[in-house]
Amino acid sequence: MLNEFAITALRLFAWLVLLTVLFVPLERWFGAHHAPRSRRERLHDLAYYVISSLVPVVVLAAPTALLAAAAQHVVPGALTHAIGQLPAAARIALAFVIAETGFYWGHRLSHELPWLWRFHALHHGTEHMHFLANTRSHPVDMVVTRLFGLVPLYLLGLASPGVAGSGTPALLLVAGTLWGFFIHANVRWRLGPLEWLVTTPAFHHWHHSRRDHIDRNYASTLPFLDRLFGTHYLPRHWPAEVGTDTPLAASLGGQLLDPLRPRG
């Protein structure tokens, strides 16, 4: 157990070093200039980086295993068999589109349902975009959104419990997380025609705009989902202000516990 903890801690530290080496220079060279964030904010960034890397993995293990077992009794065997006969590349592509559609709706509902917004508001609390804003999320928010993306994969037989069946969801989550650091980063790049194919910092920064367009651009990697469901917004300029008007606790403990408390 101690060895596993040490390996996990070393892995998180190594990734943090790599991300810092990559994004800090890019944000300084190509980003908007802001006043330095406070020491407390930086410590919160590190805390959420660790929490977001560990808690969802632990919490999701049991429900995904139960979903895989339930799928055998809910989904027609002919459907899962037909999907299983697809070439590996087609199954991965199908899993990617289905999972991203689930993530889209999980994210959108986190804005539209007040009881989910109380957790998701924390992610919008940052007032200056930066790469570590990607993991600045409440664990409940992360678990709910990931379940929306993973549940269809387990139901359709595109993922299964155990090491052999966990490759596809693990790949999707790792790729999505890495891309998430990029689209949250403070880099003022426009990618031309590629903006029709993949999400970009400009696309996602508009989602973090403080008021008018916070309910746009929910997709994590595929912007065609926002065009399909009528929530796409990407002008040539950048948002003047990001953040949220929802009050948030100043302390880390308050940010984690306040959404769990009953509302009067």
C-alpha atoms as a PDB file:
ATOM      1  CA  MET A   1       0.000   0.000   0.000  1.00  0.00           C
ATOM      2  CA  LEU A   2       2.793   2.387   0.890  1.00  0.00           C
ATOM      3  CA  ASN A   3       4.570   1.615  -2.384  1.00  0.00           C
ATOM      4  CA  GLU A   4       1.390   2.304  -4.361  1.00  0.00           C
ATOM      5  CA  PHE A   5       0.943   5.634  -2.573  1.00  0.00           C
ATOM      6  CA  ALA A   6       4.563   6.581  -3.273  1.00  0.00           C
ATOM      7  CA  ILE A   7       4.218   5.668  -6.953  1.00  0.00           C
ATOM      8  CA  THR A   8       0.996   7.660  -7.282  1.00  0.00           C
ATOM      9  CA  ALA A   9       2.515  10.685  -5.546  1.00  0.00           C
ATOM     10  CA  LEU A  10       5.589  10.492  -7.773  1.00  0.00           C
ATOM     11  CA  ARG A  11       3.423  10.233 -10.887  1.00  0.00           C
ATOM     12  CA  LEU A  12       1.360  13.277  -9.911  1.00  0.00           C
ATOM     13  CA  PHE A  13       4.502  15.260  -9.124  1.00  0.00           C
ATOM     14  CA  ALA A  14       6.121  14.295 -12.439  1.00  0.00           C
ATOM     15  CA  TRP A  15       3.022  15.327 -14.394  1.00  0.00           C
ATOM     16  CA  LEU A  16       2.842  18.614 -12.514  1.00  0.00           C
ATOM     17  CA  VAL A  17       6.461  19.370 -13.341  1.00  0.00           C
ATOM     18  CA  LEU A  18       5.908  18.566 -17.026  1.00  0.00           C
ATOM     19  CA  LEU A  19       2.749  20.670 -17.191  1.00  0.00           C
ATOM     20  CA  THR A  20       4.462  23.577 -15.451  1.00  0.00           C
ATOM     21  CA  VAL A  21       7.503  23.433 -17.713  1.00  0.00           C
ATOM     22  CA  LEU A  22       5.236  23.415 -20.759  1.00  0.00           C
ATOM     23  CA  PHE A  23       2.522  25.903 -19.871  1.00  0.00           C
ATOM     24  CA  VAL A  24       4.164  28.539 -17.669  1.00  0.00           C
ATOM     25  CA  PRO A  25       6.438  29.818 -20.482  1.00  0.00           C
ATOM     26  CA  LEU A  26       3.584  29.635 -23.005  1.00  0.00           C
ATOM     27  CA  GLU A  27       1.273  31.622 -20.737  1.00  0.00           C
ATOM     28  CA  ARG A  28       3.957  34.250 -20.166  1.00  0.00           C
ATOM     29  CA  TRP A  29       4.759  34.605 -23.879  1.00  0.00           C
ATOM     30  CA  PHE A  30       1.286  34.270 -25.407  1.00  0.00           C
ATOM     31  CA  GLY A  31      -1.201  35.020 -22.628  1.00  0.00           C
ATOM     32  CA  ALA A  32      -3.077  38.049 -21.389  1.00  0.00           C
ATOM     33  CA  HIS A  33      -1.264  39.931 -18.641  1.00  0.00           C
ATOM     34  CA  HIS A  34      -2.874  39.797 -15.218  1.00  0.00           C
ATOM     35  CA  ALA A  35      -1.855  40.634 -11.684  1.00  0.00           C
ATOM     36  CA  PRO A  36      -0.186  37.665  -9.972  1.00  0.00           C
ATOM     37  CA  ARG A  37      -2.581  35.362  -8.142  1.00  0.00           C
ATOM     38  CA  SER A  38      -2.342  35.205  -4.377  1.00  0.00           C
ATOM     39  CA  ARG A  39      -0.376  32.537  -2.546  1.00  0.00           C
ATOM     40  CA  ARG A  40      -3.674  31.097  -1.274  1.00  0.00           C
ATOM     41  CA  GLU A  41      -4.993  30.712  -4.809  1.00  0.00           C
ATOM     42  CA  ARG A  42      -1.837  28.932  -5.914  1.00  0.00           C
ATOM     43  CA  LEU A  43      -2.045  26.552  -2.967  1.00  0.00           C
ATOM     44  CA  HIS A  44      -5.678  25.874  -3.823  1.00  0.00           C
ATOM     45  CA  ASP A  45      -4.638  25.082  -7.397  1.00  0.00           C
ATOM     46  CA  LEU A  46      -2.193  22.462  -6.125  1.00  0.00           C
ATOM     47  CA  ALA A  47      -4.735  21.006  -3.707  1.00  0.00           C
ATOM     48  CA  TYR A  48      -7.382  20.653  -6.412  1.00  0.00           C
ATOM     49  CA  TYR A  49      -4.821  19.156  -8.770  1.00  0.00           C
ATOM     50  CA  VAL A  50      -4.222  16.345  -6.275  1.00  0.00           C
ATOM     51  CA  ILE A  51      -7.873  15.958  -5.249  1.00  0.00           C
ATOM     52  CA  SER A  52      -9.122  15.860  -8.842  1.00  0.00           C
ATOM     53  CA  SER A  53      -6.491  13.290  -9.768  1.00  0.00           C
ATOM     54  CA  LEU A  54      -7.292  10.868  -6.946  1.00  0.00           C
ATOM     55  CA  VAL A  55     -10.867  11.141  -5.685  1.00  0.00           C
ATOM     56  CA  PRO A  56     -12.846  10.473  -8.901  1.00  0.00           C
ATOM     57  CA  VAL A  57     -10.809   7.341  -9.662  1.00  0.00           C
ATOM     58  CA  VAL A  58     -11.547   5.890  -6.234  1.00  0.00           C
ATOM     59  CA  VAL A  59     -15.224   6.870  -6.206  1.00  0.00           C
ATOM     60  CA  LEU A  60     -15.972   5.678  -9.754  1.00  0.00           C
ATOM     61  CA  ALA A  61     -14.576   2.165  -9.357  1.00  0.00           C
ATOM     62  CA  ALA A  62     -17.652   0.663  -7.690  1.00  0.00           C
ATOM     63  CA  PRO A  63     -20.437   2.281  -9.772  1.00  0.00           C
ATOM     64  CA  THR A  64     -18.762   1.469 -13.084  1.00  0.00           C
ATOM     65  CA  ALA A  65     -18.392  -2.181 -12.068  1.00  0.00           C
ATOM     66  CA  LEU A  66     -22.085  -2.296 -11.124  1.00  0.00           C
ATOM     67  CA  LEU A  67     -23.022  -0.667 -14.423  1.00  0.00           C
ATOM     68  CA  ALA A  68     -21.096  -3.262 -16.389  1.00  0.00           C
ATOM     69  CA  ALA A  69     -22.949  -6.040 -14.556  1.00  0.00           C
ATOM     70  CA  ALA A  70     -26.344  -4.350 -14.974  1.00  0.00           C
ATOM     71  CA  ALA A  71     -25.759  -3.812 -18.687  1.00  0.00           C
ATOM     72  CA  GLN A  72     -25.953  -7.544 -19.276  1.00  0.00           C
ATOM     73  CA  HIS A  73     -29.608  -7.473 -18.153  1.00  0.00           C
ATOM     74  CA  VAL A  74     -30.655  -4.127 -19.655  1.00  0.00           C
ATOM     75  CA  VAL A  75     -29.042  -3.784 -23.090  1.00  0.00           C
ATOM     76  CA  PRO A  76     -30.026  -6.277 -25.829  1.00  0.00           C
ATOM     77  CA  GLY A  77     -27.274  -8.809 -26.386  1.00  0.00           C
ATOM     78  CA  ALA A  78     -27.583  -8.399 -30.150  1.00  0.00           C
ATOM     79  CA  LEU A  79     -26.600  -4.724 -29.866  1.00  0.00           C
ATOM     80  CA  THR A  80     -23.535  -5.305 -27.716  1.00  0.00           C
ATOM     81  CA  HIS A  81     -22.542  -8.247 -29.937  1.00  0.00           C
ATOM     82  CA  ALA A  82     -22.790  -6.090 -33.079  1.00  0.00           C
ATOM     83  CA  ILE A  83     -20.697  -3.373 -31.458  1.00  0.00           C
ATOM     84  CA  GLY A  84     -18.170  -5.968 -30.339  1.00  0.00           C
ATOM     85  CA  GLN A  85     -17.734  -7.123 -33.942  1.00  0.00           C
ATOM     86  CA  LEU A  86     -16.637  -3.682 -35.125  1.00  0.00           C
ATOM     87  CA  PRO A  87     -12.935  -3.137 -35.893  1.00  0.00           C
ATOM     88  CA  ALA A  88     -10.938  -1.858 -32.943  1.00  0.00           C
ATOM     89  CA  ALA A  89     -10.452   1.572 -34.519  1.00  0.00           C
ATOM     90  CA  ALA A  90     -14.193   1.926 -35.121  1.00  0.00           C
ATOM     91  CA  ARG A  91     -14.986   0.933 -31.531  1.00  0.00           C
ATOM     92  CA  ILE A  92     -12.544   3.506 -30.161  1.00  0.00           C
ATOM     93  CA  ALA A  93     -13.955   6.238 -32.431  1.00  0.00           C
ATOM     94  CA  LEU A  94     -17.514   5.307 -31.463  1.00  0.00           C
ATOM     95  CA  ALA A  95     -16.588   5.272 -27.767  1.00  0.00           C
ATOM     96  CA  PHE A  96     -14.986   8.694 -28.124  1.00  0.00           C
ATOM     97  CA  VAL A  97     -18.055  10.304 -29.721  1.00  0.00           C
ATOM     98  CA  ILE A  98     -20.485   8.652 -27.296  1.00  0.00           C
ATOM     99  CA  ALA A  99     -18.419   9.578 -24.239  1.00  0.00           C
ATOM    100  CA  GLU A 100     -17.980  13.166 -25.420  1.00  0.00           C
ATOM    101  CA  THR A 101     -21.736  13.452 -25.970  1.00  0.00           C
ATOM    102  CA  GLY A 102     -22.291  12.201 -22.431  1.00  0.00           C
ATOM    103  CA  PHE A 103     -19.719  14.645 -21.061  1.00  0.00           C
ATOM    104  CA  TYR A 104     -21.440  17.458 -22.952  1.00  0.00           C
ATOM    105  CA  TRP A 105     -24.816  16.732 -21.353  1.00  0.00           C
ATOM    106  CA  GLY A 106     -23.326  16.138 -17.922  1.00  0.00           C
ATOM    107  CA  HIS A 107     -21.597  19.516 -18.180  1.00  0.00           C
ATOM    108  CA  ARG A 108     -24.674  21.268 -19.529  1.00  0.00           C
ATOM    109  CA  LEU A 109     -26.927  19.898 -16.805  1.00  0.00           C
ATOM    110  CA  SER A 110     -24.355  21.053 -14.232  1.00  0.00           C
ATOM    111  CA  HIS A 111     -25.235  24.568 -15.382  1.00  0.00           C
ATOM    112  CA  GLU A 112     -28.967  24.091 -15.796  1.00  0.00           C
ATOM    113  CA  LEU A 113     -29.803  22.191 -12.592  1.00  0.00           C
ATOM    114  CA  PRO A 114     -29.308  24.332  -9.466  1.00  0.00           C
ATOM    115  CA  TRP A 115     -28.361  21.384  -7.241  1.00  0.00           C
ATOM    116  CA  LEU A 116     -25.533  20.475  -9.636  1.00  0.00           C
ATOM    117  CA  TRP A 117     -24.504  24.089 -10.216  1.00  0.00           C
ATOM    118  CA  ARG A 118     -23.711  24.475  -6.507  1.00  0.00           C
ATOM    119  CA  PHE A 119     -20.818  22.031  -7.093  1.00  0.00           C
ATOM    120  CA  HIS A 120     -19.871  23.159 -10.597  1.00  0.00           C
ATOM    121  CA  ALA A 121     -19.716  26.862  -9.676  1.00  0.00           C
ATOM    122  CA  LEU A 122     -16.355  26.225  -8.040  1.00  0.00           C
ATOM    123  CA  HIS A 123     -14.841  25.479 -11.443  1.00  0.00           C
ATOM    124  CA  HIS A 124     -15.940  28.900 -12.663  1.00  0.00           C
ATOM    125  CA  GLY A 125     -14.523  30.675  -9.632  1.00  0.00           C
ATOM    126  CA  THR A 126     -11.164  31.489 -11.197  1.00  0.00           C
ATOM    127  CA  GLU A 127     -11.032  35.085 -12.436  1.00  0.00           C
ATOM    128  CA  HIS A 128      -7.962  34.585 -14.646  1.00  0.00           C
ATOM    129  CA  MET A 129      -7.651  31.613 -16.966  1.00  0.00           C
ATOM    130  CA  HIS A 130      -4.607  29.398 -16.446  1.00  0.00           C
ATOM    131  CA  PHE A 131      -3.779  25.759 -17.126  1.00  0.00           C
ATOM    132  CA  LEU A 132      -4.378  24.517 -13.563  1.00  0.00           C
ATOM    133  CA  ALA A 133      -7.932  25.890 -13.674  1.00  0.00           C
ATOM    134  CA  ASN A 134      -8.654  22.621 -15.482  1.00  0.00           C
ATOM    135  CA  THR A 135      -8.516  20.631 -12.238  1.00  0.00           C
ATOM    136  CA  ARG A 136     -10.072  23.300 -10.023  1.00  0.00           C
ATOM    137  CA  SER A 137     -13.295  21.328  -9.572  1.00  0.00           C
ATOM    138  CA  HIS A 138     -15.367  19.887  -6.771  1.00  0.00           C
ATOM    139  CA  PRO A 139     -15.045  16.075  -6.579  1.00  0.00           C
ATOM    140  CA  VAL A 140     -18.835  15.651  -6.798  1.00  0.00           C
ATOM    141  CA  ASP A 141     -18.862  17.735  -9.982  1.00  0.00           C
ATOM    142  CA  MET A 142     -16.115  15.633 -11.542  1.00  0.00           C
ATOM    143  CA  VAL A 143     -17.763  12.327 -10.608  1.00  0.00           C
ATOM    144  CA  VAL A 144     -21.172  13.350 -11.972  1.00  0.00           C
ATOM    145  CA  THR A 145     -19.778  14.610 -15.276  1.00  0.00           C
ATOM    146  CA  ARG A 146     -17.593  11.547 -15.772  1.00  0.00           C
ATOM    147  CA  LEU A 147     -20.483   9.201 -15.062  1.00  0.00           C
ATOM    148  CA  PHE A 148     -22.466  10.880 -17.841  1.00  0.00           C
ATOM    149  CA  GLY A 149     -19.653  10.058 -20.247  1.00  0.00           C
ATOM    150  CA  LEU A 150     -18.766   6.583 -18.963  1.00  0.00           C
ATOM    151  CA  VAL A 151     -22.209   5.091 -18.305  1.00  0.00           C
ATOM    152  CA  PRO A 152     -23.076   4.729 -22.032  1.00  0.00           C
ATOM    153  CA  LEU A 153     -19.736   3.014 -22.682  1.00  0.00           C
ATOM    154  CA  TYR A 154     -20.391   0.354 -20.059  1.00  0.00           C
ATOM    155  CA  LEU A 155     -24.005  -0.097 -21.122  1.00  0.00           C
ATOM    156  CA  LEU A 156     -23.013  -0.631 -24.765  1.00  0.00           C
ATOM    157  CA  GLY A 157     -20.128  -2.962 -24.002  1.00  0.00           C
ATOM    158  CA  LEU A 158     -17.511  -0.456 -25.133  1.00  0.00           C
ATOM    159  CA  ALA A 159     -15.917  -0.727 -21.690  1.00  0.00           C
ATOM    160  CA  SER A 160     -15.919  -3.404 -19.025  1.00  0.00           C
ATOM    161  CA  PRO A 161     -14.586  -3.843 -15.486  1.00  0.00           C
ATOM    162  CA  GLY A 162     -11.085  -5.131 -14.916  1.00  0.00           C
ATOM    163  CA  VAL A 163      -7.752  -4.244 -16.456  1.00  0.00           C
ATOM    164  CA  ALA A 164      -8.585  -5.647 -19.883  1.00  0.00           C
ATOM    165  CA  GLY A 165     -11.761  -3.607 -20.264  1.00  0.00           C
ATOM    166  CA  SER A 166     -10.605  -0.388 -18.669  1.00  0.00           C
ATOM    167  CA  GLY A 167      -8.289   0.718 -21.465  1.00  0.00           C
ATOM    168  CA  THR A 168     -10.817   2.705 -23.483  1.00  0.00           C
ATOM    169  CA  PRO A 169     -12.307   4.798 -20.634  1.00  0.00           C
ATOM    170  CA  ALA A 170      -8.843   5.348 -19.174  1.00  0.00           C
ATOM    171  CA  LEU A 171      -7.543   6.540 -22.543  1.00  0.00           C
ATOM    172  CA  LEU A 172     -10.496   8.879 -22.993  1.00  0.00           C
ATOM    173  CA  LEU A 173     -10.122  10.364 -19.509  1.00  0.00           C
ATOM    174  CA  VAL A 174      -6.362  10.872 -19.832  1.00  0.00           C
ATOM    175  CA  ALA A 175      -6.658  12.433 -23.285  1.00  0.00           C
ATOM    176  CA  GLY A 176      -9.541  14.631 -22.166  1.00  0.00           C
ATOM    177  CA  THR A 177      -7.683  15.782 -19.060  1.00  0.00           C
ATOM    178  CA  LEU A 178      -4.540  16.665 -21.015  1.00  0.00           C
ATOM    179  CA  TRP A 179      -6.574  18.593 -23.575  1.00  0.00           C
ATOM    180  CA  GLY A 180      -8.381  20.284 -20.712  1.00  0.00           C
ATOM    181  CA  PHE A 181      -5.121  21.816 -19.479  1.00  0.00           C
ATOM    182  CA  PHE A 182      -4.617  23.315 -22.935  1.00  0.00           C
ATOM    183  CA  ILE A 183      -8.076  24.840 -23.376  1.00  0.00           C
ATOM    184  CA  HIS A 184      -7.945  26.396 -19.904  1.00  0.00           C
ATOM    185  CA  ALA A 185      -4.454  27.808 -20.431  1.00  0.00           C
ATOM    186  CA  ASN A 186      -3.891  31.537 -20.696  1.00  0.00           C
ATOM    187  CA  VAL A 187      -2.713  31.434 -24.314  1.00  0.00           C
ATOM    188  CA  ARG A 188      -4.272  33.815 -26.835  1.00  0.00           C
ATOM    189  CA  TRP A 189      -4.037  31.516 -29.842  1.00  0.00           C
ATOM    190  CA  ARG A 190      -6.570  31.173 -32.654  1.00  0.00           C
ATOM    191  CA  LEU A 191      -6.296  27.965 -34.672  1.00  0.00           C
ATOM    192  CA  GLY A 192      -8.194  28.875 -37.826  1.00  0.00           C
ATOM    193  CA  PRO A 193     -10.104  25.996 -39.483  1.00  0.00           C
ATOM    194  CA  LEU A 194      -9.083  23.634 -36.665  1.00  0.00           C
ATOM    195  CA  GLU A 195     -11.541  25.475 -34.447  1.00  0.00           C
ATOM    196  CA  TRP A 196     -14.314  23.692 -36.325  1.00  0.00           C
ATOM    197  CA  LEU A 197     -12.855  20.310 -35.415  1.00  0.00           C
ATOM    198  CA  VAL A 198     -11.579  20.617 -31.835  1.00  0.00           C
ATOM    199  CA  THR A 199     -12.133  22.860 -28.869  1.00  0.00           C
ATOM    200  CA  THR A 200      -9.549  25.583 -28.279  1.00  0.00           C
ATOM    201  CA  PRO A 201      -8.632  28.078 -25.556  1.00  0.00           C
ATOM    202  CA  ALA A 202     -10.755  30.756 -27.253  1.00  0.00           C
ATOM    203  CA  PHE A 203     -13.750  28.398 -27.378  1.00  0.00           C
ATOM    204  CA  HIS A 204     -13.486  27.407 -23.732  1.00  0.00           C
ATOM    205  CA  HIS A 205     -12.589  30.833 -22.382  1.00  0.00           C
ATOM    206  CA  TRP A 206     -15.971  32.048 -23.635  1.00  0.00           C
ATOM    207  CA  HIS A 207     -17.571  29.311 -21.564  1.00  0.00           C
ATOM    208  CA  HIS A 208     -15.842  30.829 -18.525  1.00  0.00           C
ATOM    209  CA  SER A 209     -17.060  34.345 -19.316  1.00  0.00           C
ATOM    210  CA  ARG A 210     -18.680  35.831 -16.238  1.00  0.00           C
ATOM    211  CA  ARG A 211     -22.239  36.388 -17.448  1.00  0.00           C
ATOM    212  CA  ASP A 212     -23.561  36.495 -21.006  1.00  0.00           C
ATOM    213  CA  HIS A 213     -22.035  33.352 -22.497  1.00  0.00           C
ATOM    214  CA  ILE A 214     -21.360  31.116 -19.523  1.00  0.00           C
ATOM    215  CA  ASP A 215     -24.096  28.792 -20.821  1.00  0.00           C
ATOM    216  CA  ARG A 216     -22.329  28.221 -24.148  1.00  0.00           C
ATOM    217  CA  ASN A 217     -19.523  25.948 -25.360  1.00  0.00           C
ATOM    218  CA  TYR A 218     -20.011  22.923 -23.114  1.00  0.00           C
ATOM    219  CA  ALA A 219     -18.028  20.442 -25.217  1.00  0.00           C
ATOM    220  CA  SER A 220     -14.668  19.302 -23.907  1.00  0.00           C
ATOM    221  CA  THR A 221     -13.114  18.348 -27.254  1.00  0.00           C
ATOM    222  CA  LEU A 222     -15.745  18.240 -30.036  1.00  0.00           C
ATOM    223  CA  PRO A 223     -17.323  21.648 -30.761  1.00  0.00           C
ATOM    224  CA  PHE A 224     -19.737  20.135 -33.288  1.00  0.00           C
ATOM    225  CA  LEU A 225     -21.796  19.011 -30.261  1.00  0.00           C
ATOM    226  CA  ASP A 226     -22.431  22.640 -29.339  1.00  0.00           C
ATOM    227  CA  ARG A 227     -23.355  23.436 -32.927  1.00  0.00           C
ATOM    228  CA  LEU A 228     -25.685  20.421 -32.948  1.00  0.00           C
ATOM    229  CA  PHE A 229     -27.427  21.371 -29.706  1.00  0.00           C
ATOM    230  CA  GLY A 230     -27.489  25.144 -30.255  1.00  0.00           C
ATOM    231  CA  THR A 231     -24.940  26.296 -27.670  1.00  0.00           C
ATOM    232  CA  HIS A 232     -21.968  27.203 -29.873  1.00  0.00           C
ATOM    233  CA  TYR A 233     -20.456  30.691 -29.587  1.00  0.00           C
ATOM    234  CA  LEU A 234     -17.060  31.741 -30.932  1.00  0.00           C
ATOM    235  CA  PRO A 235     -16.573  35.353 -32.075  1.00  0.00           C
ATOM    236  CA  ARG A 236     -13.197  36.736 -33.135  1.00  0.00           C
ATOM    237  CA  HIS A 237     -12.571  38.607 -29.882  1.00  0.00           C
ATOM    238  CA  TRP A 238     -11.941  37.226 -26.403  1.00  0.00           C
ATOM    239  CA  PRO A 239     -14.154  37.618 -23.312  1.00  0.00           C
ATOM    240  CA  ALA A 240     -13.381  40.728 -21.293  1.00  0.00           C
ATOM    241  CA  GLU A 241     -14.051  39.055 -17.949  1.00  0.00           C
ATOM    242  CA  VAL A 242     -14.190  35.486 -16.634  1.00  0.00           C
ATOM    243  CA  GLY A 243     -15.457  34.105 -13.351  1.00  0.00           C
ATOM    244  CA  THR A 244     -18.836  33.699 -11.646  1.00  0.00           C
ATOM    245  CA  ASP A 245     -21.189  35.853  -9.608  1.00  0.00           C
ATOM    246  CA  THR A 246     -22.050  32.852  -7.423  1.00  0.00           C
ATOM    247  CA  PRO A 247     -20.554  33.456  -3.947  1.00  0.00           C
ATOM    248  CA  LEU A 248     -17.763  31.016  -3.062  1.00  0.00           C
ATOM    249  CA  ALA A 249     -16.055  30.415   0.247  1.00  0.00           C
ATOM    250  CA  ALA A 250     -12.532  31.779   0.570  1.00  0.00           C
ATOM    251  CA  SER A 251     -11.138  28.682   2.293  1.00  0.00           C
ATOM    252  CA  LEU A 252     -10.506  25.310   0.668  1.00  0.00           C
ATOM    253  CA  GLY A 253     -12.604  23.534   3.291  1.00  0.00           C
ATOM    254  CA  GLY A 254     -15.498  25.901   2.744  1.00  0.00           C
ATOM    255  CA  GLN A 255     -15.388  25.434  -1.021  1.00  0.00           C
ATOM    256  CA  LEU A 256     -15.561  21.652  -0.590  1.00  0.00           C
ATOM    257  CA  LEU A 257     -18.150  21.524   2.211  1.00  0.00           C
ATOM    258  CA  ASP A 258     -20.529  24.413   1.460  1.00  0.00           C
ATOM    259  CA  PRO A 259     -22.178  22.729  -1.559  1.00  0.00           C
ATOM    260  CA  LEU A 260     -22.940  19.689   0.618  1.00  0.00           C
ATOM    261  CA  ARG A 261     -24.793  21.674   3.271  1.00  0.00           C
ATOM    262  CA  PRO A 262     -28.623  21.932   3.091  1.00  0.00           C
ATOM    263  CA  ARG A 263     -29.902  25.164   1.630  1.00  0.00           C
ATOM    264  CA  GLY A 264     -32.389  27.084   3.754  1.00  0.00           C
END
